[in-house]
Each structure stands twice: as C-alpha cells, then as structure tokens.
N, C-alpha and C. Protein backbone atom coordinates (compact mmCIF):
# COMPACT_ATOMS: atom_id res chain seq x y z
N MET A 1 10.92 23.88 23.32
CA MET A 1 11.94 22.86 23.44
C MET A 1 11.60 21.87 24.57
N SER A 2 10.95 22.38 25.59
CA SER A 2 10.66 21.51 26.73
C SER A 2 9.58 20.48 26.43
N ASP A 3 8.86 20.63 25.30
CA ASP A 3 7.80 19.68 24.95
C ASP A 3 8.28 18.50 24.10
N VAL A 4 9.50 18.54 23.61
CA VAL A 4 9.95 17.53 22.64
C VAL A 4 9.81 16.11 23.18
N ARG A 5 10.24 15.87 24.39
CA ARG A 5 10.16 14.50 24.92
C ARG A 5 8.70 14.06 25.13
N ASP A 6 7.83 15.00 25.50
CA ASP A 6 6.40 14.66 25.63
C ASP A 6 5.77 14.40 24.26
N ILE A 7 6.16 15.19 23.25
CA ILE A 7 5.69 14.94 21.89
C ILE A 7 6.14 13.55 21.44
N HIS A 8 7.39 13.25 21.68
CA HIS A 8 7.94 11.95 21.30
C HIS A 8 7.16 10.81 21.97
N ALA A 9 6.89 10.96 23.25
CA ALA A 9 6.17 9.91 23.98
C ALA A 9 4.76 9.72 23.42
N LEU A 10 4.08 10.81 23.09
CA LEU A 10 2.74 10.71 22.52
C LEU A 10 2.78 10.02 21.16
N LEU A 11 3.68 10.46 20.30
CA LEU A 11 3.78 9.84 18.98
C LEU A 11 4.16 8.36 19.09
N GLN A 12 5.03 8.05 20.04
CA GLN A 12 5.49 6.67 20.18
C GLN A 12 4.36 5.73 20.61
N GLN A 13 3.41 6.24 21.39
CA GLN A 13 2.25 5.42 21.78
C GLN A 13 1.54 4.89 20.54
N PHE A 14 1.37 5.75 19.55
CA PHE A 14 0.66 5.37 18.32
C PHE A 14 1.57 4.58 17.39
N ALA A 15 2.84 4.90 17.37
CA ALA A 15 3.79 4.14 16.54
C ALA A 15 3.89 2.70 17.03
N ASP A 16 3.89 2.51 18.34
CA ASP A 16 3.96 1.16 18.91
C ASP A 16 2.77 0.31 18.51
N ARG A 17 1.64 0.94 18.23
CA ARG A 17 0.43 0.22 17.83
C ARG A 17 0.28 0.16 16.31
N GLY A 18 1.27 0.68 15.58
CA GLY A 18 1.23 0.65 14.13
C GLY A 18 0.26 1.64 13.51
N LEU A 19 -0.10 2.69 14.26
CA LEU A 19 -1.08 3.66 13.77
C LEU A 19 -0.45 4.88 13.11
N LEU A 20 0.82 5.09 13.35
CA LEU A 20 1.58 6.11 12.64
C LEU A 20 3.05 5.73 12.69
N LEU A 21 3.83 6.38 11.86
CA LEU A 21 5.25 6.09 11.84
C LEU A 21 5.94 6.86 12.95
N GLY A 22 6.82 6.19 13.64
CA GLY A 22 7.54 6.82 14.75
C GLY A 22 8.51 7.88 14.26
N ARG A 23 8.88 8.75 15.17
CA ARG A 23 9.86 9.79 14.88
C ARG A 23 10.92 9.76 15.97
N SER A 24 12.14 9.99 15.58
CA SER A 24 13.21 10.04 16.57
C SER A 24 13.16 11.38 17.29
N ILE A 25 13.72 11.42 18.47
CA ILE A 25 13.81 12.68 19.21
C ILE A 25 14.62 13.69 18.40
N SER A 26 15.67 13.22 17.77
CA SER A 26 16.50 14.11 16.95
C SER A 26 15.69 14.74 15.83
N SER A 27 14.84 13.96 15.15
CA SER A 27 14.04 14.53 14.05
C SER A 27 13.01 15.51 14.59
N LEU A 28 12.51 15.29 15.80
CA LEU A 28 11.57 16.24 16.40
C LEU A 28 12.25 17.58 16.67
N TYR A 29 13.48 17.54 17.17
CA TYR A 29 14.20 18.80 17.35
C TYR A 29 14.43 19.48 16.01
N ASP A 30 14.78 18.71 14.98
CA ASP A 30 15.01 19.28 13.66
C ASP A 30 13.76 19.96 13.11
N ASP A 31 12.60 19.39 13.37
CA ASP A 31 11.36 19.87 12.76
C ASP A 31 10.40 20.52 13.75
N LEU A 32 10.87 20.89 14.92
CA LEU A 32 10.00 21.41 15.97
C LEU A 32 9.16 22.60 15.52
N ARG A 33 9.72 23.44 14.67
CA ARG A 33 8.99 24.63 14.23
C ARG A 33 7.82 24.29 13.31
N ASP A 34 7.76 23.06 12.81
CA ASP A 34 6.63 22.61 11.99
C ASP A 34 5.40 22.27 12.83
N PHE A 35 5.59 22.05 14.12
CA PHE A 35 4.54 21.49 14.97
C PHE A 35 3.57 22.52 15.52
N ILE A 36 2.32 22.10 15.61
CA ILE A 36 1.27 22.79 16.33
C ILE A 36 0.93 21.89 17.51
N ILE A 37 0.86 22.46 18.69
CA ILE A 37 0.61 21.68 19.90
C ILE A 37 -0.59 22.28 20.63
N LEU A 38 -1.54 21.44 20.99
CA LEU A 38 -2.64 21.87 21.85
C LEU A 38 -2.37 21.34 23.24
N GLU A 39 -2.38 22.26 24.22
CA GLU A 39 -2.07 21.89 25.59
C GLU A 39 -3.15 22.37 26.54
N ASP A 40 -3.34 21.62 27.59
CA ASP A 40 -4.19 21.99 28.71
C ASP A 40 -3.77 21.09 29.87
N ASN A 41 -2.86 21.56 30.68
CA ASN A 41 -2.26 20.72 31.72
C ASN A 41 -1.62 19.48 31.11
N GLY A 42 -0.88 19.66 30.06
CA GLY A 42 -0.24 18.57 29.33
C GLY A 42 -0.64 18.63 27.87
N ILE A 43 0.07 17.87 27.06
CA ILE A 43 -0.19 17.87 25.62
C ILE A 43 -1.45 17.07 25.32
N LEU A 44 -2.41 17.73 24.66
CA LEU A 44 -3.63 17.06 24.22
C LEU A 44 -3.45 16.47 22.84
N GLY A 45 -2.70 17.16 21.98
CA GLY A 45 -2.49 16.68 20.62
C GLY A 45 -1.42 17.47 19.92
N VAL A 46 -0.89 16.85 18.87
CA VAL A 46 0.15 17.48 18.06
C VAL A 46 -0.10 17.18 16.59
N CYS A 47 0.44 18.05 15.75
CA CYS A 47 0.36 17.87 14.32
C CYS A 47 1.42 18.78 13.71
N ALA A 48 1.99 18.36 12.58
CA ALA A 48 3.02 19.16 11.94
C ALA A 48 2.65 19.45 10.49
N LEU A 49 2.99 20.65 10.05
CA LEU A 49 2.88 21.03 8.64
C LEU A 49 4.30 21.21 8.13
N HIS A 50 4.70 20.31 7.26
CA HIS A 50 6.05 20.34 6.70
C HIS A 50 5.97 20.87 5.27
N ILE A 51 6.65 21.97 4.99
CA ILE A 51 6.63 22.57 3.66
C ILE A 51 7.63 21.83 2.77
N CYS A 52 7.14 21.34 1.64
CA CYS A 52 7.99 20.62 0.69
C CYS A 52 8.61 21.56 -0.33
N TRP A 53 7.78 22.47 -0.88
CA TRP A 53 8.24 23.55 -1.72
C TRP A 53 7.15 24.55 -1.91
N ASP A 54 7.25 25.44 -2.89
CA ASP A 54 6.40 26.64 -2.92
C ASP A 54 4.90 26.38 -2.92
N ASP A 55 4.43 25.27 -3.43
CA ASP A 55 2.99 25.05 -3.50
C ASP A 55 2.58 23.68 -2.96
N LEU A 56 3.39 23.10 -2.10
CA LEU A 56 3.09 21.77 -1.59
C LEU A 56 3.63 21.62 -0.17
N ALA A 57 2.76 21.10 0.71
CA ALA A 57 3.16 20.81 2.08
C ALA A 57 2.57 19.47 2.48
N GLU A 58 3.07 18.94 3.59
CA GLU A 58 2.60 17.65 4.10
C GLU A 58 2.17 17.81 5.55
N ILE A 59 1.05 17.19 5.88
CA ILE A 59 0.67 17.08 7.29
C ILE A 59 1.28 15.80 7.80
N ARG A 60 1.99 15.91 8.93
CA ARG A 60 2.70 14.78 9.52
C ARG A 60 2.37 14.67 11.01
N SER A 61 2.56 13.49 11.52
CA SER A 61 2.59 13.25 12.96
C SER A 61 1.38 13.79 13.71
N LEU A 62 0.19 13.53 13.19
CA LEU A 62 -1.03 13.91 13.90
C LEU A 62 -1.31 12.87 14.97
N ALA A 63 -1.39 13.31 16.21
CA ALA A 63 -1.69 12.40 17.32
C ALA A 63 -2.45 13.17 18.40
N VAL A 64 -3.47 12.52 18.94
CA VAL A 64 -4.25 13.09 20.04
C VAL A 64 -4.15 12.13 21.21
N ALA A 65 -3.85 12.67 22.38
CA ALA A 65 -3.73 11.85 23.59
C ALA A 65 -5.00 11.02 23.77
N PRO A 66 -4.87 9.76 24.13
CA PRO A 66 -6.05 8.90 24.29
C PRO A 66 -7.15 9.51 25.16
N ALA A 67 -6.79 10.15 26.25
CA ALA A 67 -7.80 10.74 27.14
C ALA A 67 -8.50 11.95 26.53
N ALA A 68 -7.94 12.50 25.46
CA ALA A 68 -8.50 13.70 24.84
C ALA A 68 -9.22 13.40 23.52
N GLN A 69 -9.27 12.15 23.13
CA GLN A 69 -9.89 11.80 21.85
C GLN A 69 -11.40 11.99 21.90
N GLY A 70 -11.97 12.23 20.72
CA GLY A 70 -13.41 12.41 20.61
C GLY A 70 -13.88 13.82 20.93
N ARG A 71 -12.96 14.74 21.06
CA ARG A 71 -13.30 16.13 21.41
C ARG A 71 -13.01 17.11 20.28
N GLY A 72 -12.71 16.60 19.09
CA GLY A 72 -12.45 17.46 17.95
C GLY A 72 -11.04 18.02 17.88
N ILE A 73 -10.15 17.51 18.70
CA ILE A 73 -8.79 18.05 18.74
C ILE A 73 -8.04 17.75 17.45
N GLY A 74 -8.16 16.55 16.95
CA GLY A 74 -7.50 16.20 15.68
C GLY A 74 -7.97 17.09 14.55
N ARG A 75 -9.27 17.31 14.48
CA ARG A 75 -9.84 18.18 13.46
C ARG A 75 -9.30 19.59 13.60
N ARG A 76 -9.25 20.10 14.84
CA ARG A 76 -8.72 21.45 15.07
C ARG A 76 -7.26 21.56 14.65
N LEU A 77 -6.48 20.54 14.94
CA LEU A 77 -5.07 20.56 14.56
C LEU A 77 -4.90 20.57 13.03
N VAL A 78 -5.67 19.73 12.35
CA VAL A 78 -5.58 19.70 10.89
C VAL A 78 -6.03 21.03 10.31
N HIS A 79 -7.14 21.59 10.81
CA HIS A 79 -7.60 22.89 10.33
C HIS A 79 -6.55 23.98 10.57
N SER A 80 -5.84 23.91 11.68
CA SER A 80 -4.77 24.88 11.94
C SER A 80 -3.67 24.76 10.89
N CYS A 81 -3.32 23.52 10.55
CA CYS A 81 -2.30 23.31 9.51
C CYS A 81 -2.78 23.85 8.16
N LEU A 82 -4.04 23.60 7.82
CA LEU A 82 -4.58 24.08 6.55
C LEU A 82 -4.67 25.60 6.53
N ASP A 83 -5.02 26.20 7.66
CA ASP A 83 -5.04 27.66 7.75
C ASP A 83 -3.64 28.23 7.53
N GLU A 84 -2.65 27.58 8.11
CA GLU A 84 -1.27 28.04 7.92
C GLU A 84 -0.87 27.89 6.46
N ALA A 85 -1.24 26.77 5.84
CA ALA A 85 -0.93 26.57 4.42
C ALA A 85 -1.55 27.68 3.57
N ARG A 86 -2.81 28.01 3.85
CA ARG A 86 -3.48 29.10 3.12
C ARG A 86 -2.73 30.42 3.31
N SER A 87 -2.34 30.70 4.56
CA SER A 87 -1.66 31.98 4.83
C SER A 87 -0.31 32.06 4.12
N LEU A 88 0.29 30.92 3.87
CA LEU A 88 1.57 30.86 3.16
C LEU A 88 1.38 30.71 1.65
N GLU A 89 0.11 30.71 1.22
CA GLU A 89 -0.26 30.55 -0.18
C GLU A 89 0.21 29.22 -0.76
N ILE A 90 0.13 28.19 0.07
CA ILE A 90 0.43 26.82 -0.37
C ILE A 90 -0.89 26.21 -0.83
N GLY A 91 -0.95 25.81 -2.08
CA GLY A 91 -2.19 25.37 -2.68
C GLY A 91 -2.57 23.93 -2.45
N GLN A 92 -1.61 23.08 -2.09
CA GLN A 92 -1.91 21.67 -1.88
C GLN A 92 -1.19 21.16 -0.64
N VAL A 93 -1.91 20.31 0.10
CA VAL A 93 -1.36 19.68 1.30
C VAL A 93 -1.70 18.20 1.20
N PHE A 94 -0.70 17.36 1.33
CA PHE A 94 -0.96 15.93 1.27
C PHE A 94 -0.68 15.29 2.62
N VAL A 95 -1.15 14.07 2.75
CA VAL A 95 -0.92 13.29 3.95
C VAL A 95 -0.73 11.84 3.53
N LEU A 96 0.17 11.16 4.19
CA LEU A 96 0.32 9.71 4.09
C LEU A 96 -0.15 9.18 5.43
N THR A 97 -1.17 8.33 5.42
CA THR A 97 -1.84 8.01 6.67
C THR A 97 -2.41 6.60 6.70
N TYR A 98 -2.65 6.13 7.90
CA TYR A 98 -3.41 4.90 8.13
C TYR A 98 -4.85 5.25 8.50
N GLN A 99 -5.17 6.52 8.61
CA GLN A 99 -6.49 7.00 9.03
C GLN A 99 -7.14 7.80 7.90
N ALA A 100 -7.24 7.21 6.73
CA ALA A 100 -7.73 7.92 5.55
C ALA A 100 -9.15 8.46 5.73
N ALA A 101 -10.03 7.70 6.37
CA ALA A 101 -11.42 8.14 6.52
C ALA A 101 -11.50 9.46 7.28
N PHE A 102 -10.66 9.64 8.28
CA PHE A 102 -10.63 10.89 9.05
C PHE A 102 -10.31 12.06 8.13
N PHE A 103 -9.29 11.90 7.29
CA PHE A 103 -8.88 13.01 6.41
C PHE A 103 -9.90 13.25 5.30
N ARG A 104 -10.56 12.20 4.83
CA ARG A 104 -11.61 12.40 3.82
C ARG A 104 -12.72 13.29 4.38
N LYS A 105 -13.07 13.12 5.65
CA LYS A 105 -14.11 13.95 6.28
C LYS A 105 -13.70 15.42 6.32
N LEU A 106 -12.40 15.69 6.26
CA LEU A 106 -11.90 17.06 6.34
C LEU A 106 -11.61 17.65 4.96
N GLY A 107 -12.07 16.98 3.90
CA GLY A 107 -11.92 17.53 2.56
C GLY A 107 -10.75 17.04 1.76
N PHE A 108 -10.02 16.06 2.27
CA PHE A 108 -8.91 15.48 1.52
C PHE A 108 -9.47 14.44 0.55
N ALA A 109 -8.83 14.30 -0.60
CA ALA A 109 -9.24 13.33 -1.61
C ALA A 109 -8.12 12.31 -1.81
N ASP A 110 -8.49 11.10 -2.12
CA ASP A 110 -7.50 10.06 -2.38
C ASP A 110 -6.64 10.46 -3.58
N CYS A 111 -5.38 10.09 -3.50
CA CYS A 111 -4.49 10.30 -4.64
C CYS A 111 -3.51 9.13 -4.70
N ASP A 112 -2.90 8.97 -5.83
CA ASP A 112 -1.91 7.91 -6.02
C ASP A 112 -0.56 8.41 -5.51
N LYS A 113 0.07 7.64 -4.66
CA LYS A 113 1.38 8.05 -4.11
C LYS A 113 2.37 8.35 -5.22
N ARG A 114 2.23 7.64 -6.33
CA ARG A 114 3.16 7.84 -7.45
C ARG A 114 3.00 9.22 -8.08
N ASP A 115 1.86 9.88 -7.84
CA ASP A 115 1.65 11.22 -8.38
C ASP A 115 2.29 12.31 -7.53
N LEU A 116 2.72 11.96 -6.33
CA LEU A 116 3.40 12.93 -5.47
C LEU A 116 4.83 13.11 -5.96
N PRO A 117 5.36 14.30 -5.85
CA PRO A 117 6.72 14.56 -6.35
C PRO A 117 7.77 13.66 -5.68
N HIS A 118 8.75 13.29 -6.45
CA HIS A 118 9.80 12.40 -5.93
C HIS A 118 10.54 13.00 -4.75
N LYS A 119 10.58 14.33 -4.67
CA LYS A 119 11.29 15.00 -3.58
C LYS A 119 10.76 14.56 -2.21
N ILE A 120 9.47 14.28 -2.10
CA ILE A 120 8.91 13.92 -0.80
C ILE A 120 9.41 12.57 -0.31
N TRP A 121 9.89 11.74 -1.22
CA TRP A 121 10.31 10.39 -0.85
C TRP A 121 11.68 10.38 -0.15
N SER A 122 12.37 11.51 -0.11
CA SER A 122 13.66 11.53 0.58
C SER A 122 13.51 11.16 2.05
N ASP A 123 12.43 11.59 2.70
CA ASP A 123 12.18 11.21 4.09
C ASP A 123 11.82 9.74 4.19
N CYS A 124 11.17 9.22 3.17
CA CYS A 124 10.73 7.83 3.20
C CYS A 124 11.92 6.86 3.18
N LEU A 125 13.03 7.29 2.66
CA LEU A 125 14.20 6.41 2.61
C LEU A 125 14.63 5.94 3.99
N HIS A 126 14.30 6.70 5.02
CA HIS A 126 14.67 6.36 6.39
C HIS A 126 13.61 5.54 7.12
N CYS A 127 12.51 5.29 6.44
CA CYS A 127 11.40 4.57 7.06
C CYS A 127 11.65 3.07 6.99
N PRO A 128 11.36 2.35 8.08
CA PRO A 128 11.56 0.90 8.06
C PRO A 128 10.63 0.17 7.07
N LYS A 129 9.58 0.84 6.62
CA LYS A 129 8.64 0.21 5.68
C LYS A 129 8.98 0.51 4.22
N PHE A 130 9.99 1.34 3.98
CA PHE A 130 10.37 1.67 2.62
C PHE A 130 11.04 0.47 1.96
N PRO A 131 10.71 0.11 0.74
CA PRO A 131 9.83 0.78 -0.22
C PRO A 131 8.40 0.23 -0.23
N ASP A 132 8.04 -0.55 0.75
CA ASP A 132 6.72 -1.19 0.78
C ASP A 132 5.75 -0.41 1.66
N CYS A 133 5.56 0.84 1.36
CA CYS A 133 4.70 1.72 2.15
C CYS A 133 3.26 1.23 2.09
N ASP A 134 2.63 1.12 3.25
CA ASP A 134 1.24 0.69 3.30
C ASP A 134 0.31 1.81 3.75
N GLU A 135 0.82 3.05 3.77
CA GLU A 135 -0.03 4.18 4.10
C GLU A 135 -0.80 4.62 2.86
N GLU A 136 -1.96 5.26 3.09
CA GLU A 136 -2.74 5.80 1.99
C GLU A 136 -2.36 7.26 1.80
N ALA A 137 -2.38 7.70 0.54
CA ALA A 137 -2.08 9.09 0.20
C ALA A 137 -3.38 9.83 -0.08
N LEU A 138 -3.50 11.01 0.50
CA LEU A 138 -4.64 11.89 0.25
C LEU A 138 -4.10 13.30 0.08
N ILE A 139 -4.88 14.11 -0.63
CA ILE A 139 -4.44 15.47 -0.88
C ILE A 139 -5.60 16.45 -0.71
N TRP A 140 -5.29 17.61 -0.18
CA TRP A 140 -6.23 18.71 -0.02
C TRP A 140 -5.77 19.82 -0.97
N THR A 141 -6.71 20.40 -1.68
CA THR A 141 -6.39 21.48 -2.59
C THR A 141 -7.16 22.72 -2.14
N ALA A 142 -6.45 23.84 -2.01
CA ALA A 142 -7.07 25.09 -1.58
C ALA A 142 -8.26 25.39 -2.48
N GLY A 143 -9.34 25.81 -1.87
CA GLY A 143 -10.53 26.16 -2.63
C GLY A 143 -11.45 24.98 -2.87
N GLU A 144 -10.99 23.77 -2.55
CA GLU A 144 -11.82 22.58 -2.76
C GLU A 144 -12.28 21.94 -1.48
N GLY A 145 -11.62 22.22 -0.34
CA GLY A 145 -12.01 21.53 0.89
C GLY A 145 -11.74 22.32 2.11
C-alpha cells in the first residue's frame, strides 16, 4: 500500500509524455494486487497483469524509471507477468501499447483490436482517447512465445 503514490508518480511521468495512459490513484488501489514491482532503494519498474477471464489477461502499466532503463527491467517485468499467466493456465495475454516493437521482441504478435473481446473495452470507456484509440494491439499465446 505504501508504494501506490510512487507507482502513480512513475506512471504519470510516462503519461505526461504520451507514452502510456495515465491511471488514477484510486484505480491503482483497486488493482494493486495485479502489480509486479521491482525495487532497489526505490521503484525501478512496475507492470500489471490484469485477468479478463479464464483464458485471457492483459499486461498494463509497464513503466521503468528513467535511471533504470536499458538494464532489462521491462523485459523481466513482462516475463514475470507471462510466468504468472502460465501458472494460472491463462493461454493468451494481450497488450495495448505505444511500444509495439518492444513487445514483438518478447514474442507478442500484432492483432486487430476488433478481435479482442468486447468485455475488455469496459475500461476503455473511461479513457480520454476513447473511441479513437491510437495504441497498437499485440497478443502472446502460450506455447508460441
């Protein structure tokens, strides 16, 4: 609980630059159990795995502190999320991102946002960019990446 404001500040740095969608402090408290945090005298990076239903999850809010970038932290966070998805027997994990090339390197494949279940769009209704989303959709399938 004590990390929520630091998580918010880190995410907001990237949201202010248009690199990810911002999250409210309230939504972070609501979804705190989804987050993986890497720390070493402060937060180095964060990432969340949000379960949509029995065989689908979303990676959200991946951010690495500027001073910690280039050290594989983002990759480690995504791999942690994928490991958790495997342990929960979730076969597919998608991401909506402005950093598609990064996720492609980790085994994600491009997909059409329209192919994602309508249930995932309930969160999008609160986004200031809805319905004109400019993020790219990618998906990881267990056993393929």
